[in-house]
Amino acid sequence: MVDSFEKIPVKIFTTPKDGSEFAAREIGKLIRSKESKGEKCVLGLATGSTPISLYASLVRLHQEEGLSFKNVVTFNLDEYYPIEPEALQSYHNFMQRNLFSKVDIDPANINIPDGRVAKDKIKEYCQQYEQKIEAAGGIDLQVLGIGNNGHIGFNEPGSSRYSKTRLVTLDNSTRVANAREFQNISHVPRMAITMGISTIMNAKRIILMAWGLKANIVQKSVEGHVTEHIPASILQQHNDCTFIIDELAATELTRFKSPWLTGEITWTPQTIRKAVVHMALKLKKPVLSLTTNDYIDSGLGDLLTEFGDGYEINLQVYYQLRDSITGWPGGKPNAVIPNHPERSEPYPNLLSASR
């Protein structure tokens, strides 16, 4: 039933480190499989804070488990424009620091968009980048992150599903998000060279990673409609794409936020309260004013079937909410009220105790 909401397979891990380790081992298996056949492994790589732990895991696999990158060819998604490769903020510099200088990849097999190309040569340069990917046999596995506005690579909202490698203007929200890498936002380049959505979609396999406060855009990309206003949602149309996310980035998925809608839930007082409060907030109605029709229209008909009258459920939730309120957060001496949160012993005054 979850599949009817999640239109892209999602793997959820406790921490970004765990998710990165999984992704690294998937990449390692692909590299070794290609090596055993005497073939090159063509990887599409991303930059930014998201894949740093992935690259650390790949370096560890190289150093501790003998994973070789001699048969690996890489194509990076994007690069700021204009920018020098030696600049601290350049993606050339990023990739060298985090991966390439620490593994045995042939420098001739590394491809990163060049932020120094003359503007009147950009179109020709981008066509050549596409041709190099094609000549390499296409990308076997593409690694992606996701922007808060749903961009993949630097394909901002509104980018065409058929776009290829090109020069783009960065959305202001992207520049603000990346300003931490620069002295201030005025120093963040306004343009970038990026692979297009079509280029990304042509990869044989895609892994998108998202950590932390990306839950809202992950949910829209995985469960929402396919739209160029959320470029990552277009990945729903790829036949081998997986989202690898941590628990925080999963919190807006229906199976966690509204599990009763998936048909896979065991009703407990806690889940009943969560469902009813969620419904009340959505309908902007007091809990005690919710009707049978509200339950049915909100997909909670099964709750009525199992527990009966809607008003009785309203009362149950109301009492739970009431019992969570206390006028004595510091404790109420000698209070013994099982359903209320008052402490029978006053909470220690930490300020006084520290003196």
Protein backbone atom coordinates (compact mmCIF):
# COMPACT_ATOMS: atom_id res chain seq x y z
CA MET A 1 0.00 0.00 0.00
CA VAL A 2 2.94 2.33 0.71
CA ASP A 3 3.90 1.98 -2.95
CA SER A 4 0.73 3.83 -3.98
CA PHE A 5 2.12 6.91 -2.21
CA GLU A 6 5.85 6.51 -2.83
CA LYS A 7 6.38 6.47 -6.58
CA ILE A 8 10.15 6.11 -6.19
CA PRO A 9 11.76 3.38 -4.03
CA VAL A 10 12.99 4.89 -0.75
CA LYS A 11 15.56 3.38 1.61
CA ILE A 12 15.65 4.97 5.06
CA PHE A 13 18.69 4.84 7.36
CA THR A 14 19.20 5.94 10.94
CA THR A 15 22.00 8.37 10.09
CA PRO A 16 23.56 9.94 6.99
CA LYS A 17 26.67 7.88 7.69
CA ASP A 18 24.68 4.64 7.48
CA GLY A 19 22.99 5.74 4.25
CA SER A 20 26.30 6.82 2.76
CA GLU A 21 27.91 3.49 3.64
CA PHE A 22 25.09 1.66 1.86
CA ALA A 23 25.44 3.85 -1.23
CA ALA A 24 29.22 3.43 -1.22
CA ARG A 25 28.91 -0.36 -1.13
CA GLU A 26 26.44 -0.28 -4.02
CA ILE A 27 28.91 1.78 -6.03
CA GLY A 28 31.75 -0.52 -4.97
CA LYS A 29 29.84 -3.58 -6.18
CA LEU A 30 29.25 -1.92 -9.54
CA ILE A 31 32.91 -0.95 -9.91
CA ARG A 32 34.08 -4.48 -9.11
CA SER A 33 31.47 -6.05 -11.40
CA LYS A 34 32.61 -3.89 -14.30
CA GLU A 35 36.26 -4.58 -13.49
CA SER A 36 35.67 -8.34 -13.55
CA LYS A 37 34.35 -7.97 -17.10
CA GLY A 38 37.23 -5.75 -18.19
CA GLU A 39 34.87 -2.79 -18.60
CA LYS A 40 34.99 0.84 -17.54
CA CYS A 41 32.58 1.95 -14.82
CA VAL A 42 31.13 5.36 -15.64
CA LEU A 43 29.96 7.32 -12.60
CA GLY A 44 28.07 10.60 -12.51
CA LEU A 45 29.09 12.47 -9.36
CA ALA A 46 27.57 15.25 -7.27
CA THR A 47 29.01 17.85 -4.95
CA GLY A 48 27.74 19.83 -1.96
CA SER A 49 27.45 18.75 1.66
CA THR A 50 25.26 15.69 1.00
CA PRO A 51 27.81 13.38 -0.71
CA ILE A 52 30.78 14.21 1.54
CA SER A 53 30.10 11.19 3.76
CA LEU A 54 29.63 9.03 0.64
CA TYR A 55 33.06 9.98 -0.65
CA ALA A 56 34.57 9.33 2.80
CA SER A 57 33.07 5.82 2.67
CA LEU A 58 34.43 5.22 -0.84
CA VAL A 59 37.89 6.34 0.29
CA ARG A 60 37.67 3.91 3.20
CA LEU A 61 36.67 1.07 0.85
CA HIS A 62 39.70 1.92 -1.29
CA GLN A 63 42.14 2.11 1.61
CA GLU A 64 40.85 -0.74 3.76
CA GLU A 65 39.17 -3.14 1.32
CA GLY A 66 41.20 -2.64 -1.83
CA LEU A 67 38.50 -1.04 -3.99
CA SER A 68 40.31 0.22 -7.09
CA PHE A 69 39.21 3.18 -9.21
CA LYS A 70 41.55 2.43 -12.11
CA ASN A 71 38.63 1.35 -14.30
CA VAL A 72 36.41 4.29 -13.25
CA VAL A 73 35.47 7.23 -15.49
CA THR A 74 33.68 10.13 -13.81
CA PHE A 75 31.49 12.98 -15.01
CA ASN A 76 30.54 15.63 -12.51
CA LEU A 77 27.09 17.16 -12.61
CA ASP A 78 27.98 20.81 -12.48
CA GLU A 79 30.33 23.68 -11.75
CA TYR A 80 29.94 27.34 -10.88
CA TYR A 81 30.46 29.84 -13.69
CA PRO A 82 32.75 31.65 -13.90
CA ILE A 83 35.25 30.15 -11.46
CA GLU A 84 38.87 28.98 -11.48
CA PRO A 85 39.50 25.27 -10.77
CA GLU A 86 41.88 26.20 -7.95
CA ALA A 87 39.29 28.33 -6.15
CA LEU A 88 38.38 26.89 -2.75
CA GLN A 89 34.69 26.91 -3.67
CA SER A 90 35.09 25.27 -7.08
CA TYR A 91 33.79 21.76 -7.57
CA HIS A 92 37.15 20.79 -9.10
CA ASN A 93 38.70 21.64 -5.75
CA PHE A 94 35.90 19.89 -3.84
CA MET A 95 36.29 16.63 -5.75
CA GLN A 96 40.07 16.62 -5.37
CA ARG A 97 39.84 17.23 -1.62
CA ASN A 98 37.11 14.71 -0.91
CA LEU A 99 37.78 11.87 -3.35
CA PHE A 100 40.13 12.01 -6.31
CA SER A 101 43.37 12.78 -4.42
CA LYS A 102 42.69 9.85 -2.07
CA VAL A 103 42.04 7.04 -4.56
CA ASP A 104 43.85 5.54 -7.55
CA ILE A 105 41.71 7.04 -10.32
CA ASP A 106 43.45 8.01 -13.56
CA PRO A 107 43.28 11.84 -13.79
CA ALA A 108 42.58 11.44 -17.52
CA ASN A 109 39.31 9.74 -16.59
CA ILE A 110 38.03 12.69 -14.53
CA ASN A 111 35.56 15.04 -16.20
CA ILE A 112 34.23 18.18 -14.48
CA PRO A 113 32.61 21.12 -16.26
CA ASP A 114 35.13 23.92 -16.80
CA GLY A 115 34.12 27.23 -15.26
CA ARG A 116 36.73 29.12 -17.29
CA VAL A 117 35.30 28.57 -20.78
CA ALA A 118 34.68 31.80 -22.69
CA LYS A 119 30.98 32.60 -22.73
CA ASP A 120 30.79 32.57 -26.53
CA LYS A 121 32.22 29.03 -26.46
CA ILE A 122 29.92 27.66 -23.76
CA LYS A 123 27.32 26.12 -26.06
CA GLU A 124 29.96 24.24 -28.06
CA TYR A 125 31.70 23.16 -24.85
CA CYS A 126 28.46 21.78 -23.39
CA GLN A 127 27.76 19.81 -26.57
CA GLN A 128 31.25 18.31 -26.31
CA TYR A 129 30.57 17.33 -22.67
CA GLU A 130 27.45 15.46 -23.80
CA GLN A 131 29.44 13.78 -26.56
CA LYS A 132 32.11 12.64 -24.07
CA ILE A 133 29.44 11.01 -21.90
CA GLU A 134 28.00 9.26 -24.94
CA ALA A 135 31.46 8.14 -26.12
CA ALA A 136 32.11 6.65 -22.66
CA GLY A 137 29.03 4.46 -23.10
CA GLY A 138 26.70 6.56 -20.97
CA ILE A 139 26.58 6.91 -17.21
CA ASP A 140 26.21 3.60 -15.36
CA LEU A 141 25.27 5.17 -12.04
CA GLN A 142 24.44 8.79 -11.29
CA VAL A 143 24.74 10.18 -7.76
CA LEU A 144 22.43 13.08 -6.90
CA GLY A 145 21.62 15.38 -4.04
CA ILE A 146 18.50 17.53 -3.91
CA GLY A 147 18.03 21.24 -3.33
CA ASN A 148 15.38 22.68 -1.03
CA ASN A 149 13.51 23.78 -4.15
CA GLY A 150 13.81 20.34 -5.73
CA HIS A 151 16.70 21.07 -8.06
CA ILE A 152 18.95 18.22 -9.19
CA GLY A 153 22.34 19.25 -10.44
CA PHE A 154 21.74 22.94 -11.02
CA ASN A 155 18.49 22.27 -12.87
CA GLU A 156 16.33 24.82 -11.11
CA PRO A 157 12.50 24.76 -11.03
CA GLY A 158 11.17 25.27 -14.55
CA SER A 159 14.02 23.38 -16.22
CA SER A 160 12.84 21.32 -19.17
CA ARG A 161 12.56 17.54 -18.91
CA TYR A 162 14.49 17.50 -22.20
CA SER A 163 17.31 19.83 -21.14
CA LYS A 164 20.93 18.85 -21.70
CA THR A 165 24.25 20.19 -20.43
CA ARG A 166 24.10 23.97 -20.55
CA LEU A 167 24.76 27.29 -18.83
CA VAL A 168 22.04 28.22 -16.32
CA THR A 169 21.16 31.08 -13.99
CA LEU A 170 21.02 30.01 -10.36
CA ASP A 171 17.84 30.55 -8.35
CA ASN A 172 18.33 33.01 -5.52
CA SER A 173 17.34 30.36 -2.96
CA THR A 174 20.18 28.17 -4.26
CA ARG A 175 22.66 31.02 -3.96
CA VAL A 176 21.49 31.69 -0.40
CA ALA A 177 21.85 27.99 0.49
CA ASN A 178 25.38 27.93 -0.96
CA ALA A 179 26.48 31.24 0.54
CA ARG A 180 28.11 29.37 3.46
CA GLU A 181 30.87 28.35 1.05
CA PHE A 182 31.65 31.97 0.21
CA GLN A 183 32.35 35.17 2.14
CA ASN A 184 28.75 36.27 1.60
CA ILE A 185 25.98 35.88 -0.97
CA SER A 186 27.38 38.65 -3.16
CA HIS A 187 30.38 36.40 -3.86
CA VAL A 188 28.26 33.41 -4.93
CA PRO A 189 28.33 33.05 -8.75
CA ARG A 190 25.01 33.78 -10.43
CA MET A 191 25.49 31.12 -13.09
CA ALA A 192 26.64 27.52 -13.44
CA ILE A 193 27.24 24.83 -16.03
CA THR A 194 25.09 21.78 -15.33
CA MET A 195 24.12 18.49 -16.88
CA GLY A 196 20.51 18.68 -18.02
CA ILE A 197 17.58 16.68 -16.71
CA SER A 198 17.61 14.61 -19.89
CA THR A 199 21.32 13.89 -19.36
CA ILE A 200 20.61 12.71 -15.81
CA MET A 201 17.61 10.63 -16.87
CA ASN A 202 19.75 8.82 -19.45
CA ALA A 203 21.86 7.30 -16.66
CA LYS A 204 21.27 3.57 -16.31
CA ARG A 205 20.84 3.85 -12.55
CA ILE A 206 20.31 6.80 -10.19
CA ILE A 207 20.88 7.16 -6.46
CA LEU A 208 19.61 10.34 -4.82
CA MET A 209 20.69 11.06 -1.25
CA ALA A 210 19.01 13.47 1.16
CA TRP A 211 19.73 14.15 4.81
CA GLY A 212 18.19 16.23 7.56
CA LEU A 213 15.86 19.12 6.80
CA LYS A 214 14.88 17.96 3.31
CA ALA A 215 11.71 16.11 4.37
CA ASN A 216 9.26 18.44 2.65
CA ILE A 217 10.91 18.39 -0.77
CA VAL A 218 11.62 14.64 -0.51
CA GLN A 219 7.91 14.00 0.07
CA LYS A 220 6.88 16.19 -2.86
CA SER A 221 9.43 14.54 -5.14
CA VAL A 222 8.54 10.99 -4.17
CA GLU A 223 4.79 11.22 -3.65
CA GLY A 224 3.67 14.28 -5.60
CA HIS A 225 2.84 14.86 -9.24
CA VAL A 226 5.62 14.92 -11.83
CA THR A 227 6.28 18.56 -12.61
CA GLU A 228 9.12 20.64 -13.97
CA HIS A 229 8.49 23.00 -11.03
CA ILE A 230 10.03 20.26 -8.85
CA PRO A 231 12.78 18.82 -11.06
CA ALA A 232 13.46 15.87 -8.72
CA SER A 233 9.86 14.68 -9.21
CA ILE A 234 10.76 13.83 -12.81
CA LEU A 235 12.88 11.00 -11.40
CA GLN A 236 9.59 9.13 -10.90
CA GLN A 237 9.82 8.41 -14.63
CA HIS A 238 13.21 6.68 -14.33
CA ASN A 239 13.10 2.87 -14.22
CA ASP A 240 15.97 2.43 -11.73
CA CYS A 241 16.09 5.29 -9.25
CA THR A 242 16.38 4.99 -5.47
CA PHE A 243 16.17 7.68 -2.79
CA ILE A 244 18.53 7.05 0.14
CA ILE A 245 17.53 9.23 3.08
CA ASP A 246 17.90 9.45 6.84
CA GLU A 247 15.06 9.33 9.37
CA LEU A 248 14.72 13.10 9.60
CA ALA A 249 14.37 13.45 5.83
CA ALA A 250 11.64 10.78 5.92
CA THR A 251 9.32 12.47 8.42
CA GLU A 252 6.94 13.97 5.82
CA LEU A 253 6.39 10.70 3.96
CA THR A 254 2.82 9.48 4.30
CA ARG A 255 3.86 6.20 5.92
CA PHE A 256 5.27 8.22 8.85
CA LYS A 257 3.19 11.40 8.93
CA SER A 258 -0.21 9.82 8.16
CA PRO A 259 0.29 6.03 8.39
CA TRP A 260 -3.45 5.45 8.68
CA LEU A 261 -3.77 6.39 5.01
CA THR A 262 -1.53 3.51 3.94
CA GLY A 263 -3.81 0.84 5.38
CA GLU A 264 -0.90 -0.54 7.42
CA ILE A 265 -1.44 0.61 11.01
CA THR A 266 -2.11 -0.82 14.43
CA TRP A 267 -4.36 1.61 16.28
CA THR A 268 -3.05 2.65 19.68
CA PRO A 269 -4.09 5.62 21.83
CA GLN A 270 -1.04 7.46 20.48
CA THR A 271 -1.76 6.81 16.80
CA ILE A 272 -5.45 7.64 17.29
CA ARG A 273 -4.50 10.97 18.86
CA LYS A 274 -2.04 11.71 16.07
CA ALA A 275 -4.62 10.95 13.36
CA VAL A 276 -7.43 12.92 14.96
CA VAL A 277 -5.27 15.96 15.79
CA HIS A 278 -3.86 15.91 12.25
CA MET A 279 -7.44 15.87 10.89
CA ALA A 280 -8.56 18.69 13.19
CA LEU A 281 -5.64 20.88 12.21
CA LYS A 282 -6.18 20.20 8.51
CA LEU A 283 -9.91 21.00 8.76
CA LYS A 284 -9.30 23.90 11.19
CA LYS A 285 -11.92 22.52 13.56
CA PRO A 286 -11.88 21.83 17.33
CA VAL A 287 -11.43 18.16 18.13
CA LEU A 288 -14.85 17.96 19.78
CA SER A 289 -16.51 19.38 16.66
CA LEU A 290 -15.29 16.66 14.29
CA THR A 291 -18.10 14.71 12.63
CA THR A 292 -18.53 11.22 11.22
CA ASN A 293 -18.31 12.68 7.72
CA ASP A 294 -15.02 14.38 8.65
CA TYR A 295 -13.60 10.96 9.58
CA ILE A 296 -14.82 9.39 6.35
CA ASP A 297 -13.65 12.28 4.13
CA SER A 298 -10.23 12.21 5.83
CA GLY A 299 -9.65 8.51 5.15
CA LEU A 300 -10.32 7.48 8.75
CA GLY A 301 -13.41 5.38 8.12
CA ASP A 302 -11.56 2.29 9.40
CA LEU A 303 -11.10 4.03 12.74
CA LEU A 304 -14.88 4.41 13.02
CA THR A 305 -15.37 0.76 12.06
CA GLU A 306 -12.97 -0.40 14.76
CA PHE A 307 -13.90 2.00 17.57
CA GLY A 308 -17.45 3.07 16.77
CA ASP A 309 -18.95 6.50 17.26
CA GLY A 310 -16.82 9.44 16.12
CA TYR A 311 -17.80 11.62 19.05
CA GLU A 312 -16.56 8.99 21.50
CA ILE A 313 -13.21 9.02 19.70
CA ASN A 314 -13.23 12.82 19.87
CA LEU A 315 -13.71 12.62 23.64
CA GLN A 316 -10.92 10.06 24.01
CA VAL A 317 -8.50 12.35 22.16
CA TYR A 318 -9.75 15.43 24.00
CA TYR A 319 -9.06 13.77 27.37
CA GLN A 320 -5.58 12.75 26.21
CA LEU A 321 -4.84 16.34 25.23
CA ARG A 322 -6.32 17.67 28.47
CA ASP A 323 -4.21 15.32 30.53
CA SER A 324 -1.04 16.58 28.86
CA ILE A 325 -1.58 20.07 30.28
CA THR A 326 -0.11 21.06 33.63
CA GLY A 327 -0.05 24.28 35.55
CA TRP A 328 2.82 22.94 37.64
CA PRO A 329 5.76 22.35 35.26
CA GLY A 330 8.18 22.58 38.18
CA GLY A 331 6.34 19.92 40.17
CA LYS A 332 3.42 19.80 42.60
CA PRO A 333 4.38 18.43 46.04
CA ASN A 334 2.52 15.27 47.04
CA ALA A 335 0.44 15.24 43.83
CA VAL A 336 -0.49 11.76 42.65
CA ILE A 337 -2.61 12.16 39.50
CA PRO A 338 -1.90 9.14 37.21
CA ASN A 339 -3.10 10.73 33.96
CA HIS A 340 -1.56 14.15 34.55
CA PRO A 341 2.09 15.16 34.06
CA GLU A 342 2.53 16.91 37.45
CA ARG A 343 5.63 15.80 39.35
CA SER A 344 5.10 14.79 42.94
CA GLU A 345 8.54 16.17 43.73
CA PRO A 346 9.53 19.71 42.66
CA TYR A 347 12.09 19.79 39.87
CA PRO A 348 15.50 20.83 41.25
CA ASN A 349 16.52 24.43 40.73
CA LEU A 350 19.58 23.88 38.55
CA LEU A 351 20.70 27.50 38.88
CA SER A 352 20.76 27.24 42.66
CA ALA A 353 22.40 23.81 42.56
CA SER A 354 25.25 25.15 40.42
CA ARG A 355 26.17 27.86 42.93
